[in-house]
Amino acid sequence: MRTRWMARIALPCVIGLVASCASAPDPAPEWGGLGHPPPVTYAEAMEALEAGDETEGRAMLAQVLEVCGTTSLGEQAAVALIVDALDPRHPDLDLAASLSHAYLSQPYRTPLAEQVATSAYLVSLDVGGSLDESLSILPSAEPGEFPAECRSGALSPTNRGVAVIPAPPSQSLSNRLADLEKSVAALQAELERVRETLRP
């Protein structure tokens, strides 16, 4: 399941390197294969998203997330991926739900990002997304184990322990709409029956 999710956001984990995606990256000058310092790659990713290239933007954000993990920049990349997956122009509701859940399931978070991820998780499930709990692209090491360039944000994630992930709505919006459509169809059929009985 992990490989399928990696492919969906074009995370470049090839055979022999997959294991490194779930652990703290080596803080070497190569930036974990990025080629540029993580802040530069993050800026390029956001520019790609603004230009409408969600495939390239998501791929670069996933790279930053792999390298920066639980640091402030890693969290920014995770939140940007979650929000972009909810963009109605190119939605990926399964990715939004699963990545939000994965983020909330690890301990290093900021209050604001936790609130965003919680809302995204509930919204994505409510409008038809499904949860894949096997998604594990979030490195879970302590922020201090990642490159210093990833820890330059004003707000740094701290160990907030286990998040209370709210239960999704008992009935999704898509199911509620389907039930409403059935009710409307039944009402229309009943109105037609009444019209037939009233005809001379």
C-alpha atoms as a PDB file:
ATOM      1  CA  MET A   1       0.000   0.000   0.000  1.00  0.00           C
ATOM      2  CA  ARG A   2       2.899   2.316   0.766  1.00  0.00           C
ATOM      3  CA  THR A   3       4.220   2.047  -2.802  1.00  0.00           C
ATOM      4  CA  ARG A   4       0.827   2.945  -4.262  1.00  0.00           C
ATOM      5  CA  TRP A   5       0.611   6.125  -2.210  1.00  0.00           C
ATOM      6  CA  MET A   6       4.196   7.066  -3.045  1.00  0.00           C
ATOM      7  CA  ALA A   7       3.377   6.794  -6.745  1.00  0.00           C
ATOM      8  CA  ARG A   8       0.279   8.971  -6.407  1.00  0.00           C
ATOM      9  CA  ILE A   9       2.326  11.962  -5.319  1.00  0.00           C
ATOM     10  CA  ALA A  10       5.412  11.016  -7.318  1.00  0.00           C
ATOM     11  CA  LEU A  11       7.679  10.542  -4.341  1.00  0.00           C
ATOM     12  CA  PRO A  12      11.011   9.349  -5.826  1.00  0.00           C
ATOM     13  CA  CYS A  13      11.652   6.346  -3.603  1.00  0.00           C
ATOM     14  CA  VAL A  14      13.247   3.686  -5.783  1.00  0.00           C
ATOM     15  CA  ILE A  15      14.197   0.111  -4.927  1.00  0.00           C
ATOM     16  CA  GLY A  16      16.861   0.152  -2.259  1.00  0.00           C
ATOM     17  CA  LEU A  17      15.791   3.561  -0.946  1.00  0.00           C
ATOM     18  CA  VAL A  18      12.223   2.894   0.150  1.00  0.00           C
ATOM     19  CA  ALA A  19      13.255   2.101   3.699  1.00  0.00           C
ATOM     20  CA  SER A  20      14.898   5.489   4.069  1.00  0.00           C
ATOM     21  CA  CYS A  21      11.605   7.255   3.384  1.00  0.00           C
ATOM     22  CA  ALA A  22      10.216   6.203   6.767  1.00  0.00           C
ATOM     23  CA  SER A  23      13.261   7.189   8.779  1.00  0.00           C
ATOM     24  CA  ALA A  24      15.196  10.356   9.445  1.00  0.00           C
ATOM     25  CA  PRO A  25      17.152  11.358   6.331  1.00  0.00           C
ATOM     26  CA  ASP A  26      20.911  11.692   6.344  1.00  0.00           C
ATOM     27  CA  PRO A  27      21.579  15.425   6.781  1.00  0.00           C
ATOM     28  CA  ALA A  28      24.195  15.393   4.021  1.00  0.00           C
ATOM     29  CA  PRO A  29      24.895  18.256   1.576  1.00  0.00           C
ATOM     30  CA  GLU A  30      22.833  16.402  -1.065  1.00  0.00           C
ATOM     31  CA  TRP A  31      19.670  17.244   0.929  1.00  0.00           C
ATOM     32  CA  GLY A  32      18.427  13.692   0.630  1.00  0.00           C
ATOM     33  CA  GLY A  33      18.489  13.847  -3.164  1.00  0.00           C
ATOM     34  CA  LEU A  34      16.663  17.159  -3.557  1.00  0.00           C
ATOM     35  CA  GLY A  35      19.536  18.889  -5.314  1.00  0.00           C
ATOM     36  CA  HIS A  36      18.574  22.200  -3.696  1.00  0.00           C
ATOM     37  CA  PRO A  37      18.231  23.195  -0.042  1.00  0.00           C
ATOM     38  CA  PRO A  38      14.779  22.184   1.261  1.00  0.00           C
ATOM     39  CA  PRO A  39      13.475  25.793   1.570  1.00  0.00           C
ATOM     40  CA  VAL A  40      14.274  26.357  -2.122  1.00  0.00           C
ATOM     41  CA  THR A  41      12.524  23.139  -3.149  1.00  0.00           C
ATOM     42  CA  TYR A  42       9.514  24.102  -1.027  1.00  0.00           C
ATOM     43  CA  ALA A  43       9.318  27.532  -2.690  1.00  0.00           C
ATOM     44  CA  GLU A  44       9.561  25.896  -6.122  1.00  0.00           C
ATOM     45  CA  ALA A  45       6.788  23.477  -5.166  1.00  0.00           C
ATOM     46  CA  MET A  46       4.472  26.312  -4.176  1.00  0.00           C
ATOM     47  CA  GLU A  47       5.264  28.147  -7.416  1.00  0.00           C
ATOM     48  CA  ALA A  48       4.381  25.000  -9.373  1.00  0.00           C
ATOM     49  CA  LEU A  49       1.053  24.695  -7.562  1.00  0.00           C
ATOM     50  CA  GLU A  50       0.261  28.359  -8.184  1.00  0.00           C
ATOM     51  CA  ALA A  51       1.031  27.811 -11.872  1.00  0.00           C
ATOM     52  CA  GLY A  52      -1.449  24.919 -11.994  1.00  0.00           C
ATOM     53  CA  ASP A  53       1.102  22.088 -12.140  1.00  0.00           C
ATOM     54  CA  GLU A  54      -0.188  19.986  -9.259  1.00  0.00           C
ATOM     55  CA  THR A  55       1.787  16.899 -10.305  1.00  0.00           C
ATOM     56  CA  GLU A  56       5.164  18.641 -10.088  1.00  0.00           C
ATOM     57  CA  GLY A  57       4.155  20.664  -7.036  1.00  0.00           C
ATOM     58  CA  ARG A  58       2.997  17.622  -5.083  1.00  0.00           C
ATOM     59  CA  ALA A  59       6.108  15.667  -6.064  1.00  0.00           C
ATOM     60  CA  MET A  60       8.411  18.378  -4.721  1.00  0.00           C
ATOM     61  CA  LEU A  61       6.360  18.790  -1.534  1.00  0.00           C
ATOM     62  CA  ALA A  62       6.609  15.042  -0.969  1.00  0.00           C
ATOM     63  CA  GLN A  63      10.375  15.296  -1.380  1.00  0.00           C
ATOM     64  CA  VAL A  64      10.569  18.092   1.177  1.00  0.00           C
ATOM     65  CA  LEU A  65       8.411  16.057   3.553  1.00  0.00           C
ATOM     66  CA  GLU A  66      10.723  13.067   3.139  1.00  0.00           C
ATOM     67  CA  VAL A  67      13.824  15.140   3.914  1.00  0.00           C
ATOM     68  CA  CYS A  68      12.403  17.444   6.600  1.00  0.00           C
ATOM     69  CA  GLY A  69      10.029  15.111   8.429  1.00  0.00           C
ATOM     70  CA  THR A  70       8.677  16.534  11.675  1.00  0.00           C
ATOM     71  CA  THR A  71      10.407  19.933  11.419  1.00  0.00           C
ATOM     72  CA  SER A  72       8.600  23.202  10.737  1.00  0.00           C
ATOM     73  CA  LEU A  73       9.301  22.961   6.992  1.00  0.00           C
ATOM     74  CA  GLY A  74       8.271  19.328   6.906  1.00  0.00           C
ATOM     75  CA  GLU A  75       4.992  20.257   8.553  1.00  0.00           C
ATOM     76  CA  GLN A  76       4.451  23.071   6.053  1.00  0.00           C
ATOM     77  CA  ALA A  77       4.967  20.581   3.223  1.00  0.00           C
ATOM     78  CA  ALA A  78       2.501  18.130   4.785  1.00  0.00           C
ATOM     79  CA  VAL A  79      -0.161  20.815   5.260  1.00  0.00           C
ATOM     80  CA  ALA A  80       0.374  22.129   1.720  1.00  0.00           C
ATOM     81  CA  LEU A  81      -0.089  18.601   0.349  1.00  0.00           C
ATOM     82  CA  ILE A  82      -3.258  18.103   2.391  1.00  0.00           C
ATOM     83  CA  VAL A  83      -4.765  21.431   1.313  1.00  0.00           C
ATOM     84  CA  ASP A  84      -3.861  20.896  -2.347  1.00  0.00           C
ATOM     85  CA  ALA A  85      -5.460  17.440  -2.265  1.00  0.00           C
ATOM     86  CA  LEU A  86      -8.719  19.191  -1.301  1.00  0.00           C
ATOM     87  CA  ASP A  87      -8.501  21.690  -4.165  1.00  0.00           C
ATOM     88  CA  PRO A  88     -11.732  21.176  -6.173  1.00  0.00           C
ATOM     89  CA  ARG A  89      -9.827  21.765  -9.411  1.00  0.00           C
ATOM     90  CA  HIS A  90      -7.829  18.541  -8.910  1.00  0.00           C
ATOM     91  CA  PRO A  91      -9.063  16.831  -5.756  1.00  0.00           C
ATOM     92  CA  ASP A  92      -7.642  13.646  -4.301  1.00  0.00           C
ATOM     93  CA  LEU A  93      -9.939  13.055  -1.361  1.00  0.00           C
ATOM     94  CA  ASP A  94      -8.386   9.709  -0.440  1.00  0.00           C
ATOM     95  CA  LEU A  95      -4.947  11.342  -0.215  1.00  0.00           C
ATOM     96  CA  ALA A  96      -6.325  14.262   1.830  1.00  0.00           C
ATOM     97  CA  ALA A  97      -8.024  11.936   4.309  1.00  0.00           C
ATOM     98  CA  SER A  98      -5.121   9.509   4.620  1.00  0.00           C
ATOM     99  CA  LEU A  99      -2.334  12.096   4.828  1.00  0.00           C
ATOM    100  CA  SER A 100      -4.307  14.100   7.409  1.00  0.00           C
ATOM    101  CA  HIS A 101      -4.798  10.963   9.472  1.00  0.00           C
ATOM    102  CA  ALA A 102      -1.101  10.052   9.176  1.00  0.00           C
ATOM    103  CA  TYR A 103      -0.074  13.545  10.266  1.00  0.00           C
ATOM    104  CA  LEU A 104      -2.413  13.475  13.278  1.00  0.00           C
ATOM    105  CA  SER A 105      -1.147  10.010  14.227  1.00  0.00           C
ATOM    106  CA  GLN A 106       2.430  11.187  14.835  1.00  0.00           C
ATOM    107  CA  PRO A 107       3.276  13.299  17.904  1.00  0.00           C
ATOM    108  CA  TYR A 108       5.139  16.346  16.517  1.00  0.00           C
ATOM    109  CA  ARG A 109       2.590  19.006  15.598  1.00  0.00           C
ATOM    110  CA  THR A 110       1.755  22.683  15.958  1.00  0.00           C
ATOM    111  CA  PRO A 111      -1.747  23.626  17.155  1.00  0.00           C
ATOM    112  CA  LEU A 112      -2.604  25.430  13.894  1.00  0.00           C
ATOM    113  CA  ALA A 113      -1.503  22.583  11.623  1.00  0.00           C
ATOM    114  CA  GLU A 114      -3.316  20.113  13.858  1.00  0.00           C
ATOM    115  CA  GLN A 115      -6.526  22.101  13.458  1.00  0.00           C
ATOM    116  CA  VAL A 116      -6.090  22.285   9.672  1.00  0.00           C
ATOM    117  CA  ALA A 117      -5.393  18.563   9.408  1.00  0.00           C
ATOM    118  CA  THR A 118      -8.365  17.681  11.618  1.00  0.00           C
ATOM    119  CA  SER A 119     -10.744  19.779   9.512  1.00  0.00           C
ATOM    120  CA  ALA A 120      -9.289  18.412   6.275  1.00  0.00           C
ATOM    121  CA  TYR A 121      -9.652  14.859   7.558  1.00  0.00           C
ATOM    122  CA  LEU A 122     -13.326  15.308   8.408  1.00  0.00           C
ATOM    123  CA  VAL A 123     -14.184  17.265   5.252  1.00  0.00           C
ATOM    124  CA  SER A 124     -12.462  14.808   2.908  1.00  0.00           C
ATOM    125  CA  LEU A 125     -14.296  11.859   4.449  1.00  0.00           C
ATOM    126  CA  ASP A 126     -17.586  13.765   4.480  1.00  0.00           C
ATOM    127  CA  VAL A 127     -17.460  14.421   0.729  1.00  0.00           C
ATOM    128  CA  GLY A 128     -16.550  10.893  -0.296  1.00  0.00           C
ATOM    129  CA  GLY A 129     -12.887  10.265   0.516  1.00  0.00           C
ATOM    130  CA  SER A 130     -11.693   6.999   2.007  1.00  0.00           C
ATOM    131  CA  LEU A 131      -9.014   6.328   4.589  1.00  0.00           C
ATOM    132  CA  ASP A 132      -5.922   4.218   4.006  1.00  0.00           C
ATOM    133  CA  GLU A 133      -4.321   3.795   7.438  1.00  0.00           C
ATOM    134  CA  SER A 134      -1.282   2.084   5.912  1.00  0.00           C
ATOM    135  CA  LEU A 135      -0.037   5.396   4.491  1.00  0.00           C
ATOM    136  CA  SER A 136       3.320   6.021   6.152  1.00  0.00           C
ATOM    137  CA  ILE A 137       5.256   8.666   4.239  1.00  0.00           C
ATOM    138  CA  LEU A 138       5.680  10.816   7.336  1.00  0.00           C
ATOM    139  CA  PRO A 139       9.085  10.306   8.964  1.00  0.00           C
ATOM    140  CA  SER A 140       8.481  10.185  12.719  1.00  0.00           C
ATOM    141  CA  ALA A 141      11.912  11.008  14.134  1.00  0.00           C
ATOM    142  CA  GLU A 142      12.421  13.993  16.432  1.00  0.00           C
ATOM    143  CA  PRO A 143      12.758  17.357  14.641  1.00  0.00           C
ATOM    144  CA  GLY A 144      16.344  17.726  15.825  1.00  0.00           C
ATOM    145  CA  GLU A 145      17.386  14.698  13.761  1.00  0.00           C
ATOM    146  CA  PHE A 146      16.618  16.435  10.479  1.00  0.00           C
ATOM    147  CA  PRO A 147      18.709  19.038   8.609  1.00  0.00           C
ATOM    148  CA  ALA A 148      18.972  22.438  10.284  1.00  0.00           C
ATOM    149  CA  GLU A 149      17.680  24.097   7.103  1.00  0.00           C
ATOM    150  CA  CYS A 150      14.331  22.430   7.761  1.00  0.00           C
ATOM    151  CA  ARG A 151      13.960  23.985  11.213  1.00  0.00           C
ATOM    152  CA  SER A 152      13.977  27.686  10.336  1.00  0.00           C
ATOM    153  CA  GLY A 153      10.242  28.330  10.718  1.00  0.00           C
ATOM    154  CA  ALA A 154       8.827  30.663  13.360  1.00  0.00           C
ATOM    155  CA  LEU A 155       6.581  27.903  14.742  1.00  0.00           C
ATOM    156  CA  SER A 156       8.224  24.562  15.396  1.00  0.00           C
ATOM    157  CA  PRO A 157       6.268  21.362  16.002  1.00  0.00           C
ATOM    158  CA  THR A 158       6.484  20.047  19.533  1.00  0.00           C
ATOM    159  CA  ASN A 159       5.637  16.666  20.996  1.00  0.00           C
ATOM    160  CA  ARG A 160       1.915  17.016  21.697  1.00  0.00           C
ATOM    161  CA  GLY A 161       1.389  13.316  22.297  1.00  0.00           C
ATOM    162  CA  VAL A 162      -1.408  11.327  20.744  1.00  0.00           C
ATOM    163  CA  ALA A 163      -3.973  13.464  18.937  1.00  0.00           C
ATOM    164  CA  VAL A 164      -7.645  12.882  19.538  1.00  0.00           C
ATOM    165  CA  ILE A 165      -8.808  12.119  16.002  1.00  0.00           C
ATOM    166  CA  PRO A 166     -12.556  12.756  15.838  1.00  0.00           C
ATOM    167  CA  ALA A 167     -14.834  10.131  14.421  1.00  0.00           C
ATOM    168  CA  PRO A 168     -16.003  10.892  10.875  1.00  0.00           C
ATOM    169  CA  PRO A 169     -19.671  11.699  10.248  1.00  0.00           C
ATOM    170  CA  SER A 170     -21.895   8.649  10.468  1.00  0.00           C
ATOM    171  CA  GLN A 171     -23.162   9.403   6.984  1.00  0.00           C
ATOM    172  CA  SER A 172     -21.077  11.152   4.342  1.00  0.00           C
ATOM    173  CA  LEU A 173     -22.307  14.137   2.383  1.00  0.00           C
ATOM    174  CA  SER A 174     -22.410  12.057  -0.792  1.00  0.00           C
ATOM    175  CA  ASN A 175     -24.634   9.495   0.925  1.00  0.00           C
ATOM    176  CA  ARG A 176     -26.892  12.221   2.294  1.00  0.00           C
ATOM    177  CA  LEU A 177     -27.213  13.693  -1.193  1.00  0.00           C
ATOM    178  CA  ALA A 178     -28.027  10.251  -2.591  1.00  0.00           C
ATOM    179  CA  ASP A 179     -30.760   9.806   0.020  1.00  0.00           C
ATOM    180  CA  LEU A 180     -32.107  13.269  -0.793  1.00  0.00           C
ATOM    181  CA  GLU A 181     -32.200  12.433  -4.499  1.00  0.00           C
ATOM    182  CA  LYS A 182     -34.138   9.243  -3.729  1.00  0.00           C
ATOM    183  CA  SER A 183     -36.616  11.234  -1.638  1.00  0.00           C
ATOM    184  CA  VAL A 184     -37.074  13.778  -4.436  1.00  0.00           C
ATOM    185  CA  ALA A 185     -37.597  10.983  -6.975  1.00  0.00           C
ATOM    186  CA  ALA A 186     -40.188   9.355  -4.717  1.00  0.00           C
ATOM    187  CA  LEU A 187     -41.957  12.693  -4.256  1.00  0.00           C
ATOM    188  CA  GLN A 188     -42.010  13.302  -8.003  1.00  0.00           C
ATOM    189  CA  ALA A 189     -43.480   9.839  -8.560  1.00  0.00           C
ATOM    190  CA  GLU A 190     -46.177  10.511  -5.962  1.00  0.00           C
ATOM    191  CA  LEU A 191     -47.010  13.871  -7.529  1.00  0.00           C
ATOM    192  CA  GLU A 192     -47.344  12.208 -10.913  1.00  0.00           C
ATOM    193  CA  ARG A 193     -49.689   9.610  -9.413  1.00  0.00           C
ATOM    194  CA  VAL A 194     -51.814  12.400  -7.906  1.00  0.00           C
ATOM    195  CA  ARG A 195     -51.945  14.188 -11.258  1.00  0.00           C
ATOM    196  CA  GLU A 196     -53.160  10.991 -12.931  1.00  0.00           C
ATOM    197  CA  THR A 197     -55.997  10.598 -10.417  1.00  0.00           C
ATOM    198  CA  LEU A 198     -57.032  14.237 -10.862  1.00  0.00           C
ATOM    199  CA  ARG A 199     -57.202  14.093 -14.637  1.00  0.00           C
ATOM    200  CA  PRO A 200     -60.786  14.002 -15.998  1.00  0.00           C
END
